[in-house]
Amino acid sequence: MKYFIFEYTSHLKFMIVRKTLSLTAIFRFAGHHLWWLITYMVLVSILYKVAGWHWISIPWLPVSLVGTALAFYIGFKNNQSYDRVWEARKIWGAIVNSSRSWGTMVNAFVCNSADTQFTSNEINQLKKHLIYRHIAWLYTLREQLLVPTQWEHVSLRGHFGKIARKRQELEGVGLYRDYLNETQKQNYFFDDQELRTAANKATQLINLQSQQLAALEEQAVLHMRKQLDLQKVLSDFYDHQGRAERIKKFPIPRQYANLSFIFNCIFILLLPLGIVAEFSKLGDAGVWLMIPFGTIVGWIYVLMELIGDYSENPFEGLGTDIPMLSICRTIEIDLLQMLGETDIPKPIQPVKDVLM
C-alpha cells in the first residue's frame, strides 16, 4: 500500500502559487485511493449483508480507540515533517540574507589602499571573482542537495521508483533543466578544474573564497579587519550549508515513519468491520450507507499519511520541495545588480502553478 501511495503523491505541490487548491488537484493527488477503499467497503458490505457473515463485525469502541490514537500519532509525525520543511525554508532564507551581506561587503571593501595602484577594471574583476564564485556556490549547493538518498521516493526500486523519477521529470526539477545559459556557466564556474576531484564542491568553493580573501589582504587590497568581517560571512555560509545537509542526510527516524503507515493499514482494515454492524441498525439499506461513509473516513486518514510522508524530504526534486532554484535566482539578480551589470537574468517563473 505504501508503495502504491508513493506512485502518485507528487501531484501535491508544496510551493503552490495559487491561493486555493482546486478539487481537481485534490483528486489528482489522492483520488485514485478512493477506488480501492470503495472496493474494500463494498466487499465487507456484501459479506455482511448478502453472504450473512455477521461474525466479521467487531465492536466499534476498540476501533474508535485505534482511530483516535492514530490521529494523534499521524499528527505528531506530520508536525515533525512540517518542521523539516520550515527549517529548510529558514535555512535558505538565511542564505539570502548572508548573500546580500556578502555582496554589499565585497562591493564596499575591495578597493585600492594607499599602498596599491590597481586599475578600476582590475578592482572590478576582483569583485566579480568573489561574487561569481558565490553564485556558483549557490547553484552547486542546490545540486548537491538534490542528489537522491536511499530513503527518498525516487530511489525506490522497480516500477514505483520509475514512476517517481518520471514525476520528478514532469512535475519537479525536470521542468527547469535549462536555468543557466552558457555565458552564466562560464562566468560562475571558472573554478571547475580545481574542483574536479572534490567530494564536496560547495565546501571547497567557500575554501577558495577564503584563500582569495587572504591573498587580497596580503596585497593590501583588504584591510585585516575587513577580511575578518568577510571571513565571518563565509563561516555563516558553512553553517547554513551544514544545517541543510543535516536535513538531507538524516530522515525522520524510520520507526516513527514506518509505524505510522502500519497503524494506518491496521485502522483501515478494521474500520468497515467496526462500523458495518452500527450502520445495519439503521434498516435494510443501512449496511450500504456504510460504503460512502467508511470510504470518506479511510480516505481522510490516507491523506494525512501522504502529506506527512512527502513533506519529510524538502530537497527531493519533486513538487513538494522548497523553491531553491527561485531563491538562487533571486540572490543572483541582487548580486549582479550590486556589481552594476546590465545583463540580468529573469526571475524563475512558476510552471503549472508550481515554483521550484
Protein backbone atom coordinates (compact mmCIF):
# COMPACT_ATOMS: atom_id res chain seq x y z
CA MET A 1 0.00 0.00 0.00
CA LYS A 2 2.77 2.44 0.85
CA TYR A 3 4.50 1.95 -2.50
CA PHE A 4 1.13 2.41 -4.16
CA ILE A 5 0.86 5.69 -2.30
CA PHE A 6 4.34 6.71 -3.41
CA GLU A 7 3.44 6.26 -7.05
CA TYR A 8 1.02 9.15 -7.26
CA THR A 9 1.57 11.66 -4.49
CA SER A 10 3.89 14.05 -6.29
CA HIS A 11 0.78 15.77 -7.64
CA LEU A 12 0.54 17.71 -4.38
CA LYS A 13 2.80 20.74 -4.65
CA PHE A 14 4.34 22.40 -1.66
CA MET A 15 5.21 25.71 -3.31
CA ILE A 16 1.76 26.36 -4.79
CA VAL A 17 1.34 29.85 -6.19
CA ARG A 18 -2.46 29.66 -6.41
CA LYS A 19 -4.39 30.86 -3.38
CA THR A 20 -6.55 27.75 -3.20
CA LEU A 21 -6.14 24.10 -4.14
CA SER A 22 -8.79 23.07 -6.65
CA LEU A 23 -10.91 19.95 -6.28
CA THR A 24 -9.30 18.67 -9.46
CA ALA A 25 -5.85 18.96 -7.89
CA ILE A 26 -7.02 17.22 -4.71
CA PHE A 27 -8.48 14.30 -6.63
CA ARG A 28 -5.45 14.17 -8.91
CA PHE A 29 -3.33 13.93 -5.79
CA ALA A 30 -5.19 11.17 -3.97
CA GLY A 31 -8.45 10.45 -5.77
CA HIS A 32 -7.17 7.10 -7.02
CA HIS A 33 -7.17 5.81 -3.44
CA LEU A 34 -10.95 6.10 -3.43
CA TRP A 35 -11.18 3.12 -5.79
CA TRP A 36 -9.56 0.53 -3.57
CA LEU A 37 -11.27 2.00 -0.48
CA ILE A 38 -14.68 1.72 -2.16
CA THR A 39 -13.88 -1.82 -3.31
CA TYR A 40 -12.98 -2.89 0.22
CA MET A 41 -16.08 -1.25 1.75
CA VAL A 42 -18.32 -2.92 -0.87
CA LEU A 43 -16.70 -6.30 -0.19
CA VAL A 44 -17.34 -6.05 3.55
CA SER A 45 -20.93 -4.91 2.94
CA ILE A 46 -21.63 -7.85 0.62
CA LEU A 47 -20.11 -10.36 3.01
CA TYR A 48 -22.17 -8.97 5.89
CA LYS A 49 -25.49 -8.37 4.11
CA VAL A 50 -25.63 -10.87 1.25
CA ALA A 51 -23.45 -13.74 2.48
CA GLY A 52 -24.71 -13.35 6.03
CA TRP A 53 -21.25 -13.30 7.57
CA HIS A 54 -22.28 -11.32 10.63
CA TRP A 55 -19.37 -12.78 12.55
CA ILE A 56 -16.93 -10.49 10.68
CA SER A 57 -18.20 -7.44 12.58
CA ILE A 58 -16.30 -6.29 15.63
CA PRO A 59 -17.22 -3.81 18.39
CA TRP A 60 -16.85 -0.19 17.33
CA LEU A 61 -15.29 1.02 20.59
CA PRO A 62 -11.81 -0.54 20.15
CA VAL A 63 -11.75 0.58 16.50
CA SER A 64 -12.54 4.14 17.56
CA LEU A 65 -9.75 3.99 20.14
CA VAL A 66 -7.30 2.88 17.43
CA GLY A 67 -8.51 5.71 15.17
CA THR A 68 -8.11 8.30 17.90
CA ALA A 69 -4.61 7.12 18.81
CA LEU A 70 -3.66 7.00 15.13
CA ALA A 71 -4.85 10.57 14.58
CA PHE A 72 -2.57 11.78 17.36
CA TYR A 73 0.31 9.69 16.05
CA ILE A 74 -0.06 10.96 12.47
CA GLY A 75 -0.40 14.49 13.81
CA PHE A 76 2.90 14.10 15.65
CA LYS A 77 4.65 12.76 12.55
CA ASN A 78 3.19 15.47 10.33
CA ASN A 79 4.36 18.14 12.77
CA GLN A 80 7.86 16.71 12.55
CA SER A 81 7.65 16.66 8.75
CA TYR A 82 6.47 20.27 8.60
CA ASP A 83 9.25 21.30 10.98
CA ARG A 84 11.75 19.86 8.50
CA VAL A 85 10.18 21.78 5.61
CA TRP A 86 10.02 25.02 7.56
CA GLU A 87 13.58 24.60 8.85
CA ALA A 88 14.76 24.07 5.26
CA ARG A 89 12.98 27.26 4.19
CA LYS A 90 14.51 29.20 7.09
CA ILE A 91 17.96 27.96 6.12
CA TRP A 92 17.55 29.26 2.59
CA GLY A 93 16.12 32.50 3.93
CA ALA A 94 19.30 32.89 5.99
CA ILE A 95 21.35 32.17 2.85
CA VAL A 96 19.53 35.04 1.13
CA ASN A 97 20.37 37.46 3.94
CA SER A 98 24.00 36.37 4.23
CA SER A 99 24.44 36.51 0.46
CA ARG A 100 23.24 40.10 0.34
CA SER A 101 25.62 40.95 3.15
CA TRP A 102 28.43 39.26 1.22
CA GLY A 103 27.69 41.24 -1.93
CA THR A 104 27.45 44.55 -0.09
CA MET A 105 30.69 43.98 1.82
CA VAL A 106 32.64 42.81 -1.24
CA ASN A 107 31.43 45.83 -3.18
CA ALA A 108 32.45 48.22 -0.41
CA PHE A 109 35.61 46.61 0.99
CA VAL A 110 37.52 45.55 -2.14
CA CYS A 111 39.28 48.74 -3.23
CA ASN A 112 42.69 50.35 -3.56
CA SER A 113 44.53 51.33 -0.41
CA ALA A 114 47.34 53.84 -0.04
CA ASP A 115 49.81 51.07 -0.95
CA THR A 116 48.07 49.70 -4.08
CA GLN A 117 47.54 51.05 -7.57
CA PHE A 118 45.15 48.62 -9.23
CA THR A 119 43.10 49.96 -12.12
CA SER A 120 39.35 50.23 -11.74
CA ASN A 121 38.93 47.32 -14.16
CA GLU A 122 41.24 45.15 -12.07
CA ILE A 123 39.36 46.01 -8.87
CA ASN A 124 36.08 45.28 -10.60
CA GLN A 125 37.44 41.93 -11.77
CA LEU A 126 38.39 41.02 -8.20
CA LYS A 127 34.87 41.83 -7.06
CA LYS A 128 33.42 39.75 -9.88
CA HIS A 129 35.51 36.75 -8.89
CA LEU A 130 34.20 36.85 -5.33
CA ILE A 131 30.60 37.45 -6.40
CA TYR A 132 30.58 34.95 -9.27
CA ARG A 133 32.14 32.23 -7.15
CA HIS A 134 29.45 32.77 -4.54
CA ILE A 135 26.74 32.38 -7.19
CA ALA A 136 28.46 29.15 -8.23
CA TRP A 137 28.30 28.03 -4.59
CA LEU A 138 24.54 28.64 -4.51
CA TYR A 139 23.80 26.52 -7.55
CA THR A 140 26.32 23.87 -6.52
CA LEU A 141 24.76 23.56 -3.07
CA ARG A 142 21.33 23.18 -4.66
CA GLU A 143 22.57 20.43 -6.98
CA GLN A 144 24.21 18.59 -4.08
CA LEU A 145 21.03 18.74 -2.01
CA LEU A 146 19.08 17.22 -4.92
CA VAL A 147 21.24 14.08 -5.04
CA PRO A 148 18.80 11.28 -4.01
CA THR A 149 19.23 9.39 -0.75
CA GLN A 150 18.15 5.77 -0.40
CA TRP A 151 15.00 6.59 1.61
CA GLU A 152 13.57 9.08 -0.89
CA HIS A 153 10.78 8.17 -3.29
CA VAL A 154 12.91 8.49 -6.43
CA SER A 155 15.26 5.84 -5.01
CA LEU A 156 12.59 3.15 -4.79
CA ARG A 157 13.31 0.01 -6.77
CA GLY A 158 11.37 -1.32 -9.71
CA HIS A 159 8.22 0.15 -11.20
CA PHE A 160 7.43 2.56 -8.37
CA GLY A 161 10.90 4.10 -8.47
CA LYS A 162 10.50 4.63 -12.21
CA ILE A 163 7.15 6.32 -11.65
CA ALA A 164 8.63 8.64 -9.01
CA ARG A 165 11.51 9.56 -11.30
CA LYS A 166 9.06 10.23 -14.10
CA ARG A 167 7.08 12.52 -11.80
CA GLN A 168 10.32 14.28 -10.96
CA GLU A 169 10.96 14.94 -14.63
CA LEU A 170 7.42 16.01 -15.50
CA GLU A 171 6.43 17.89 -12.34
CA GLY A 172 9.65 18.63 -10.47
CA VAL A 173 13.22 19.59 -11.28
CA GLY A 174 12.76 18.33 -14.83
CA LEU A 175 10.71 21.44 -15.58
CA TYR A 176 13.75 23.66 -15.00
CA ARG A 177 16.67 21.93 -16.71
CA ASP A 178 18.00 24.91 -18.70
CA TYR A 179 18.04 27.54 -15.98
CA LEU A 180 21.63 28.66 -16.73
CA ASN A 181 22.86 29.62 -20.19
CA GLU A 182 26.41 29.01 -21.43
CA THR A 183 27.57 32.53 -20.58
CA GLN A 184 26.39 32.17 -16.99
CA LYS A 185 28.12 28.79 -16.66
CA GLN A 186 31.40 30.19 -17.98
CA ASN A 187 31.21 33.24 -15.70
CA TYR A 188 30.32 31.43 -12.49
CA PHE A 189 32.07 28.07 -12.70
CA PHE A 190 35.60 29.20 -13.54
CA ASP A 191 36.98 27.02 -10.72
CA ASP A 192 35.74 23.77 -12.24
CA GLN A 193 39.19 22.38 -12.95
CA GLU A 194 40.26 22.83 -9.33
CA LEU A 195 37.10 21.12 -8.09
CA ARG A 196 37.09 18.07 -10.35
CA THR A 197 38.17 15.68 -7.59
CA ALA A 198 36.39 17.42 -4.70
CA ALA A 199 33.96 15.21 -2.77
CA ASN A 200 32.00 18.28 -1.63
CA LYS A 201 32.34 21.04 -4.22
CA ALA A 202 30.26 23.55 -2.29
CA THR A 203 32.60 23.25 0.69
CA GLN A 204 35.67 23.73 -1.49
CA LEU A 205 34.20 26.80 -3.19
CA ILE A 206 33.96 28.53 0.17
CA ASN A 207 37.51 27.42 0.89
CA LEU A 208 38.64 29.08 -2.37
CA GLN A 209 36.82 32.25 -1.31
CA SER A 210 38.75 32.23 1.95
CA GLN A 211 42.05 31.77 0.15
CA GLN A 212 41.32 34.69 -2.16
CA LEU A 213 40.46 36.91 0.80
CA ALA A 214 43.79 36.03 2.40
CA ALA A 215 45.59 36.86 -0.86
CA LEU A 216 43.81 40.21 -1.11
CA GLU A 217 44.81 41.02 2.45
CA GLU A 218 48.45 40.27 1.61
CA GLN A 219 48.17 42.57 -1.42
CA ALA A 220 46.75 45.33 0.82
CA VAL A 221 43.51 45.40 -1.14
CA LEU A 222 41.69 44.31 2.01
CA HIS A 223 42.36 45.64 5.48
CA MET A 224 42.74 42.84 8.05
CA ARG A 225 39.62 43.89 9.93
CA LYS A 226 37.58 43.87 6.73
CA GLN A 227 38.99 40.48 5.82
CA LEU A 228 37.88 39.10 9.18
CA ASP A 229 34.39 40.51 8.62
CA LEU A 230 34.19 38.74 5.26
CA GLN A 231 35.56 35.53 6.77
CA LYS A 232 32.75 35.67 9.31
CA VAL A 233 30.21 35.69 6.47
CA LEU A 234 31.95 32.67 4.91
CA SER A 235 31.62 30.89 8.26
CA ASP A 236 27.91 31.69 8.17
CA PHE A 237 27.69 30.05 4.74
CA TYR A 238 29.31 26.92 6.15
CA ASP A 239 26.75 26.94 8.95
CA HIS A 240 23.84 27.28 6.51
CA GLN A 241 25.23 24.51 4.31
CA GLY A 242 25.74 22.18 7.26
CA ARG A 243 22.19 22.69 8.51
CA ALA A 244 20.77 21.94 5.06
CA GLU A 245 22.95 18.82 4.74
CA ARG A 246 21.72 17.64 8.14
CA ILE A 247 18.12 17.68 6.91
CA LYS A 248 19.09 16.00 3.65
CA LYS A 249 21.12 13.20 5.19
CA PHE A 250 19.06 12.40 8.27
CA PRO A 251 15.38 11.49 7.74
CA ILE A 252 12.64 11.23 10.30
CA PRO A 253 13.58 8.04 12.23
CA ARG A 254 12.14 5.07 10.37
CA GLN A 255 10.42 3.71 13.47
CA TYR A 256 8.18 6.79 13.50
CA ALA A 257 7.56 6.98 9.76
CA ASN A 258 7.00 3.26 9.12
CA LEU A 259 4.88 2.58 12.19
CA SER A 260 2.55 5.38 11.15
CA PHE A 261 1.99 3.59 7.84
CA ILE A 262 1.47 0.20 9.53
CA PHE A 263 -1.00 1.64 12.05
CA ASN A 264 -2.89 3.31 9.20
CA CYS A 265 -3.20 -0.02 7.37
CA ILE A 266 -4.49 -1.71 10.52
CA PHE A 267 -7.07 1.01 11.14
CA ILE A 268 -8.39 1.00 7.57
CA LEU A 269 -8.57 -2.82 7.70
CA LEU A 270 -10.63 -2.70 10.91
CA LEU A 271 -12.75 0.35 10.01
CA PRO A 272 -15.56 -1.29 7.97
CA LEU A 273 -15.63 -4.29 10.31
CA GLY A 274 -16.32 -1.94 13.21
CA ILE A 275 -18.99 0.22 11.59
CA VAL A 276 -20.93 -2.26 9.44
CA ALA A 277 -22.99 -3.53 12.38
CA GLU A 278 -23.67 0.03 13.53
CA PHE A 279 -25.00 1.02 10.10
CA SER A 280 -27.09 -2.15 9.87
CA LYS A 281 -29.13 -0.83 12.79
CA LEU A 282 -30.45 1.93 10.50
CA GLY A 283 -32.51 -0.55 8.49
CA ASP A 284 -32.24 -2.68 5.37
CA ALA A 285 -30.30 -0.02 3.46
CA GLY A 286 -28.09 0.91 6.40
CA VAL A 287 -25.32 -1.53 5.50
CA TRP A 288 -24.95 0.07 2.08
CA LEU A 289 -24.69 3.52 3.65
CA MET A 290 -21.51 2.27 5.30
CA ILE A 291 -19.78 2.30 1.90
CA PRO A 292 -19.61 6.10 1.32
CA PHE A 293 -19.07 7.00 4.97
CA GLY A 294 -16.37 4.38 5.52
CA THR A 295 -14.66 5.43 2.29
CA ILE A 296 -14.56 9.08 3.34
CA VAL A 297 -13.14 8.30 6.79
CA GLY A 298 -10.49 5.98 5.35
CA TRP A 299 -9.56 8.49 2.64
CA ILE A 300 -9.01 11.23 5.22
CA TYR A 301 -6.55 9.04 7.10
CA VAL A 302 -4.75 8.15 3.86
CA LEU A 303 -4.45 11.86 3.00
CA MET A 304 -2.98 12.67 6.39
CA GLU A 305 -0.39 9.92 5.95
CA LEU A 306 0.56 11.11 2.46
CA ILE A 307 1.01 14.74 3.44
CA GLY A 308 3.46 13.87 6.19
CA ASP A 309 5.25 11.31 4.04
CA TYR A 310 6.04 13.78 1.26
CA SER A 311 6.73 16.79 3.47
CA GLU A 312 9.53 14.84 5.12
CA ASN A 313 12.01 15.42 2.26
CA PRO A 314 12.22 19.11 1.25
CA PHE A 315 15.21 18.54 -1.07
CA GLU A 316 13.92 15.65 -3.19
CA GLY A 317 13.43 17.35 -6.56
CA LEU A 318 9.66 16.87 -6.56
CA GLY A 319 6.90 19.44 -6.49
CA THR A 320 6.82 19.25 -2.69
CA ASP A 321 10.30 20.82 -2.40
CA ILE A 322 11.06 24.30 -1.19
CA PRO A 323 11.79 26.65 -4.15
CA MET A 324 15.59 26.52 -4.05
CA LEU A 325 16.02 27.43 -7.72
CA SER A 326 13.87 30.53 -7.38
CA ILE A 327 15.82 31.60 -4.29
CA CYS A 328 19.16 31.08 -6.06
CA ARG A 329 17.99 33.21 -8.98
CA THR A 330 16.77 35.97 -6.64
CA ILE A 331 20.19 36.12 -4.97
CA GLU A 332 21.93 36.03 -8.35
CA ILE A 333 19.92 39.02 -9.57
CA ASP A 334 20.63 41.01 -6.40
CA LEU A 335 24.38 40.37 -6.55
CA LEU A 336 24.71 41.16 -10.25
CA GLN A 337 22.87 44.44 -9.76
CA MET A 338 25.28 45.29 -6.94
CA LEU A 339 28.08 44.91 -9.48
CA GLY A 340 26.28 47.29 -11.81
CA GLU A 341 25.77 44.70 -14.54
CA THR A 342 23.03 45.16 -17.10
CA ASP A 343 22.74 41.60 -18.44
CA ILE A 344 20.47 40.40 -15.66
CA PRO A 345 18.65 37.05 -15.88
CA LYS A 346 14.92 36.97 -15.36
CA PRO A 347 13.38 35.60 -12.14
CA ILE A 348 12.27 31.98 -12.15
CA GLN A 349 8.59 31.80 -13.06
CA PRO A 350 6.07 29.19 -11.87
CA VAL A 351 5.34 26.28 -14.19
CA LYS A 352 1.96 24.55 -13.84
CA ASP A 353 1.23 26.76 -10.81
CA VAL A 354 4.34 25.45 -9.03
CA LEU A 355 7.53 27.34 -8.19
CA MET A 356 10.69 25.27 -7.74
